Amino acid sequence: MRRPRRRAEITLTAVAERQVARLTDPAEIHALDRALAALSADPALGVPIPGTSPELRDYTDPVDVVRLIYYVTARRTVLVLTYLEVG
């Protein structure tokens, strides 16, 4: 029996922290939470951004209007959110 894969921990850069702190609309906060939950379960959902180091990934939520730029650590246990757009 296989164990379920552990979710990646999410951490934010200072820029992303400031962007999250400016969110006041509950719908936007909910949309961000949904997108982060999806990425923590499967960090490979985003599309690689060529020529970036570390390799950044660009994820746009297919339901809510959320765009996240992030990278994942080598062991895929930590996802670092670098930039976000909500709404």
N, C-alpha and C. Protein backbone atom coordinates (compact mmCIF):
# COMPACT_ATOMS: atom_id res chain seq x y z
N MET A 1 0.84 -1.19 0.00
CA MET A 1 0.00 0.00 0.00
C MET A 1 0.88 1.25 0.00
N ARG A 2 0.63 2.14 -0.94
CA ARG A 2 1.42 3.38 -1.03
C ARG A 2 0.87 4.42 -0.09
N ARG A 3 1.80 5.14 0.53
CA ARG A 3 1.40 6.26 1.38
C ARG A 3 1.06 7.46 0.50
N PRO A 4 0.07 8.24 0.91
CA PRO A 4 -0.24 9.44 0.13
C PRO A 4 0.95 10.40 0.16
N ARG A 5 1.15 11.06 -0.95
CA ARG A 5 2.25 12.00 -1.05
C ARG A 5 2.02 13.19 -0.12
N ARG A 6 3.06 13.58 0.57
CA ARG A 6 2.98 14.71 1.49
C ARG A 6 2.89 16.03 0.71
N ARG A 7 2.07 16.93 1.20
CA ARG A 7 1.95 18.24 0.56
C ARG A 7 3.21 19.07 0.78
N ALA A 8 3.53 19.90 -0.19
CA ALA A 8 4.67 20.80 -0.05
C ALA A 8 4.30 21.92 0.92
N GLU A 9 5.26 22.31 1.71
CA GLU A 9 5.09 23.47 2.59
C GLU A 9 5.21 24.71 1.72
N ILE A 10 4.42 25.73 2.03
CA ILE A 10 4.46 26.97 1.23
C ILE A 10 5.06 28.08 2.08
N THR A 11 6.02 28.76 1.50
CA THR A 11 6.61 29.93 2.13
C THR A 11 6.57 31.07 1.13
N LEU A 12 6.62 32.30 1.63
CA LEU A 12 6.49 33.47 0.76
C LEU A 12 7.73 34.34 0.85
N THR A 13 8.11 34.93 -0.27
CA THR A 13 9.16 35.94 -0.25
C THR A 13 8.57 37.21 0.35
N ALA A 14 9.43 38.19 0.66
CA ALA A 14 8.96 39.45 1.23
C ALA A 14 7.98 40.15 0.28
N VAL A 15 8.24 40.09 -1.01
CA VAL A 15 7.34 40.72 -1.99
C VAL A 15 5.97 40.06 -1.94
N ALA A 16 5.94 38.74 -1.95
CA ALA A 16 4.67 38.02 -1.91
C ALA A 16 3.94 38.28 -0.59
N GLU A 17 4.67 38.38 0.51
CA GLU A 17 4.04 38.69 1.80
C GLU A 17 3.32 40.03 1.75
N ARG A 18 3.96 41.03 1.14
CA ARG A 18 3.33 42.36 1.02
C ARG A 18 2.10 42.28 0.13
N GLN A 19 2.17 41.50 -0.94
CA GLN A 19 1.02 41.37 -1.83
C GLN A 19 -0.15 40.70 -1.11
N VAL A 20 0.12 39.68 -0.34
CA VAL A 20 -0.94 39.00 0.42
C VAL A 20 -1.53 39.94 1.47
N ALA A 21 -0.68 40.71 2.12
CA ALA A 21 -1.15 41.63 3.17
C ALA A 21 -2.11 42.68 2.61
N ARG A 22 -2.01 43.00 1.33
CA ARG A 22 -2.90 44.00 0.72
C ARG A 22 -4.26 43.43 0.32
N LEU A 23 -4.40 42.11 0.34
CA LEU A 23 -5.69 41.51 -0.02
C LEU A 23 -6.70 41.76 1.09
N THR A 24 -7.86 42.28 0.72
CA THR A 24 -8.92 42.55 1.71
C THR A 24 -10.25 41.89 1.34
N ASP A 25 -10.42 41.57 0.08
CA ASP A 25 -11.67 40.97 -0.39
C ASP A 25 -11.69 39.48 -0.02
N PRO A 26 -12.67 39.03 0.75
CA PRO A 26 -12.74 37.62 1.14
C PRO A 26 -12.75 36.67 -0.07
N ALA A 27 -13.36 37.07 -1.17
CA ALA A 27 -13.38 36.21 -2.36
C ALA A 27 -11.97 36.04 -2.93
N GLU A 28 -11.17 37.11 -2.93
CA GLU A 28 -9.80 37.02 -3.42
C GLU A 28 -8.95 36.15 -2.49
N ILE A 29 -9.15 36.29 -1.20
CA ILE A 29 -8.41 35.48 -0.22
C ILE A 29 -8.76 34.00 -0.40
N HIS A 30 -10.04 33.73 -0.61
CA HIS A 30 -10.49 32.35 -0.83
C HIS A 30 -9.88 31.79 -2.12
N ALA A 31 -9.86 32.59 -3.17
CA ALA A 31 -9.28 32.16 -4.44
C ALA A 31 -7.79 31.84 -4.28
N LEU A 32 -7.08 32.69 -3.56
CA LEU A 32 -5.66 32.45 -3.31
C LEU A 32 -5.48 31.16 -2.51
N ASP A 33 -6.27 30.96 -1.48
CA ASP A 33 -6.19 29.74 -0.68
C ASP A 33 -6.39 28.49 -1.54
N ARG A 34 -7.37 28.53 -2.44
CA ARG A 34 -7.64 27.40 -3.32
C ARG A 34 -6.43 27.10 -4.22
N ALA A 35 -5.87 28.14 -4.78
CA ALA A 35 -4.72 27.96 -5.68
C ALA A 35 -3.52 27.42 -4.92
N LEU A 36 -3.28 27.94 -3.73
CA LEU A 36 -2.14 27.46 -2.93
C LEU A 36 -2.34 26.01 -2.50
N ALA A 37 -3.57 25.64 -2.18
CA ALA A 37 -3.85 24.25 -1.81
C ALA A 37 -3.57 23.32 -2.99
N ALA A 38 -3.97 23.73 -4.18
CA ALA A 38 -3.72 22.91 -5.37
C ALA A 38 -2.22 22.75 -5.61
N LEU A 39 -1.47 23.84 -5.49
CA LEU A 39 -0.03 23.76 -5.72
C LEU A 39 0.69 22.97 -4.64
N SER A 40 0.23 23.06 -3.41
CA SER A 40 0.89 22.29 -2.35
C SER A 40 0.70 20.79 -2.58
N ALA A 41 -0.41 20.42 -3.18
CA ALA A 41 -0.67 19.01 -3.49
C ALA A 41 0.12 18.56 -4.72
N ASP A 42 0.30 19.45 -5.68
CA ASP A 42 1.01 19.10 -6.91
C ASP A 42 1.79 20.31 -7.42
N PRO A 43 3.03 20.50 -6.92
CA PRO A 43 3.82 21.67 -7.33
C PRO A 43 4.14 21.73 -8.82
N ALA A 44 3.95 20.63 -9.55
CA ALA A 44 4.25 20.62 -10.97
C ALA A 44 3.12 21.19 -11.83
N LEU A 45 2.06 21.69 -11.21
CA LEU A 45 0.94 22.23 -11.98
C LEU A 45 1.33 23.44 -12.82
N GLY A 46 2.24 24.24 -12.34
CA GLY A 46 2.64 25.44 -13.08
C GLY A 46 3.51 25.10 -14.28
N VAL A 47 3.60 26.05 -15.18
CA VAL A 47 4.40 25.91 -16.40
C VAL A 47 5.78 26.52 -16.14
N PRO A 48 6.85 25.78 -16.47
CA PRO A 48 8.19 26.34 -16.27
C PRO A 48 8.41 27.62 -17.07
N ILE A 49 9.11 28.56 -16.47
CA ILE A 49 9.49 29.80 -17.15
C ILE A 49 10.93 29.62 -17.62
N PRO A 50 11.16 29.50 -18.92
CA PRO A 50 12.51 29.23 -19.43
C PRO A 50 13.51 30.31 -19.03
N GLY A 51 14.74 29.86 -18.79
CA GLY A 51 15.84 30.79 -18.53
C GLY A 51 15.87 31.37 -17.14
N THR A 52 15.12 30.82 -16.19
CA THR A 52 15.13 31.34 -14.83
C THR A 52 15.90 30.38 -13.92
N SER A 53 16.58 30.94 -12.94
CA SER A 53 17.31 30.13 -11.98
C SER A 53 17.15 30.73 -10.59
N PRO A 54 16.58 30.03 -9.62
CA PRO A 54 16.06 28.69 -9.78
C PRO A 54 14.89 28.70 -10.77
N GLU A 55 14.54 27.52 -11.26
CA GLU A 55 13.48 27.45 -12.26
C GLU A 55 12.15 27.92 -11.67
N LEU A 56 11.69 29.06 -12.17
CA LEU A 56 10.39 29.58 -11.74
C LEU A 56 9.30 28.88 -12.53
N ARG A 57 8.15 28.80 -11.92
CA ARG A 57 6.97 28.22 -12.56
C ARG A 57 5.84 29.23 -12.50
N ASP A 58 5.00 29.24 -13.51
CA ASP A 58 3.88 30.17 -13.63
C ASP A 58 2.59 29.35 -13.59
N TYR A 59 1.75 29.63 -12.60
CA TYR A 59 0.49 28.88 -12.45
C TYR A 59 -0.67 29.87 -12.50
N THR A 60 -1.66 29.58 -13.34
CA THR A 60 -2.89 30.34 -13.38
C THR A 60 -4.02 29.39 -13.03
N ASP A 61 -4.78 29.73 -11.99
CA ASP A 61 -5.88 28.88 -11.56
C ASP A 61 -6.94 28.86 -12.65
N PRO A 62 -7.41 27.67 -13.05
CA PRO A 62 -8.37 27.58 -14.15
C PRO A 62 -9.77 28.07 -13.80
N VAL A 63 -10.09 28.20 -12.52
CA VAL A 63 -11.44 28.62 -12.11
C VAL A 63 -11.42 30.08 -11.65
N ASP A 64 -10.56 30.36 -10.68
CA ASP A 64 -10.47 31.73 -10.13
C ASP A 64 -9.40 32.49 -10.90
N VAL A 65 -9.46 33.79 -10.81
CA VAL A 65 -8.48 34.62 -11.49
C VAL A 65 -7.31 34.84 -10.54
N VAL A 66 -6.41 33.85 -10.52
CA VAL A 66 -5.23 33.88 -9.66
C VAL A 66 -4.04 33.45 -10.49
N ARG A 67 -2.95 34.22 -10.41
CA ARG A 67 -1.70 33.86 -11.08
C ARG A 67 -0.60 33.85 -10.03
N LEU A 68 0.17 32.78 -10.00
CA LEU A 68 1.23 32.64 -9.01
C LEU A 68 2.54 32.31 -9.72
N ILE A 69 3.60 32.97 -9.30
CA ILE A 69 4.95 32.67 -9.77
C ILE A 69 5.68 32.09 -8.56
N TYR A 70 6.32 30.94 -8.75
CA TYR A 70 6.93 30.25 -7.61
C TYR A 70 8.06 29.35 -8.08
N TYR A 71 8.82 28.85 -7.11
CA TYR A 71 9.76 27.77 -7.40
C TYR A 71 9.65 26.74 -6.29
N VAL A 72 10.13 25.56 -6.60
CA VAL A 72 10.04 24.44 -5.67
C VAL A 72 11.46 24.00 -5.33
N THR A 73 11.71 23.72 -4.05
CA THR A 73 13.03 23.28 -3.64
C THR A 73 13.35 21.91 -4.25
N ALA A 74 14.62 21.53 -4.21
CA ALA A 74 15.10 20.32 -4.87
C ALA A 74 14.36 19.06 -4.42
N ARG A 75 14.04 18.96 -3.15
CA ARG A 75 13.35 17.76 -2.67
C ARG A 75 11.84 17.86 -2.81
N ARG A 76 11.37 18.96 -3.39
CA ARG A 76 9.95 19.20 -3.66
C ARG A 76 9.11 19.22 -2.38
N THR A 77 9.74 19.64 -1.27
CA THR A 77 9.02 19.70 0.00
C THR A 77 8.62 21.12 0.36
N VAL A 78 9.24 22.10 -0.29
CA VAL A 78 8.92 23.51 -0.01
C VAL A 78 8.66 24.23 -1.33
N LEU A 79 7.56 24.95 -1.38
CA LEU A 79 7.20 25.77 -2.53
C LEU A 79 7.37 27.23 -2.07
N VAL A 80 8.16 28.00 -2.81
CA VAL A 80 8.42 29.39 -2.46
C VAL A 80 7.66 30.29 -3.42
N LEU A 81 6.65 30.98 -2.89
CA LEU A 81 5.84 31.89 -3.69
C LEU A 81 6.57 33.21 -3.82
N THR A 82 6.82 33.65 -5.05
CA THR A 82 7.59 34.87 -5.27
C THR A 82 6.72 36.04 -5.72
N TYR A 83 5.58 35.77 -6.36
CA TYR A 83 4.75 36.83 -6.92
C TYR A 83 3.34 36.30 -7.09
N LEU A 84 2.35 37.16 -6.92
CA LEU A 84 0.97 36.74 -7.14
C LEU A 84 0.12 37.87 -7.67
N GLU A 85 -0.90 37.48 -8.43
CA GLU A 85 -1.95 38.40 -8.90
C GLU A 85 -3.28 37.74 -8.58
N VAL A 86 -4.16 38.47 -7.97
CA VAL A 86 -5.49 37.94 -7.64
C VAL A 86 -6.52 38.95 -8.11
N GLY A 87 -7.54 38.43 -8.81
CA GLY A 87 -8.65 39.28 -9.22
C GLY A 87 -8.51 39.93 -10.53
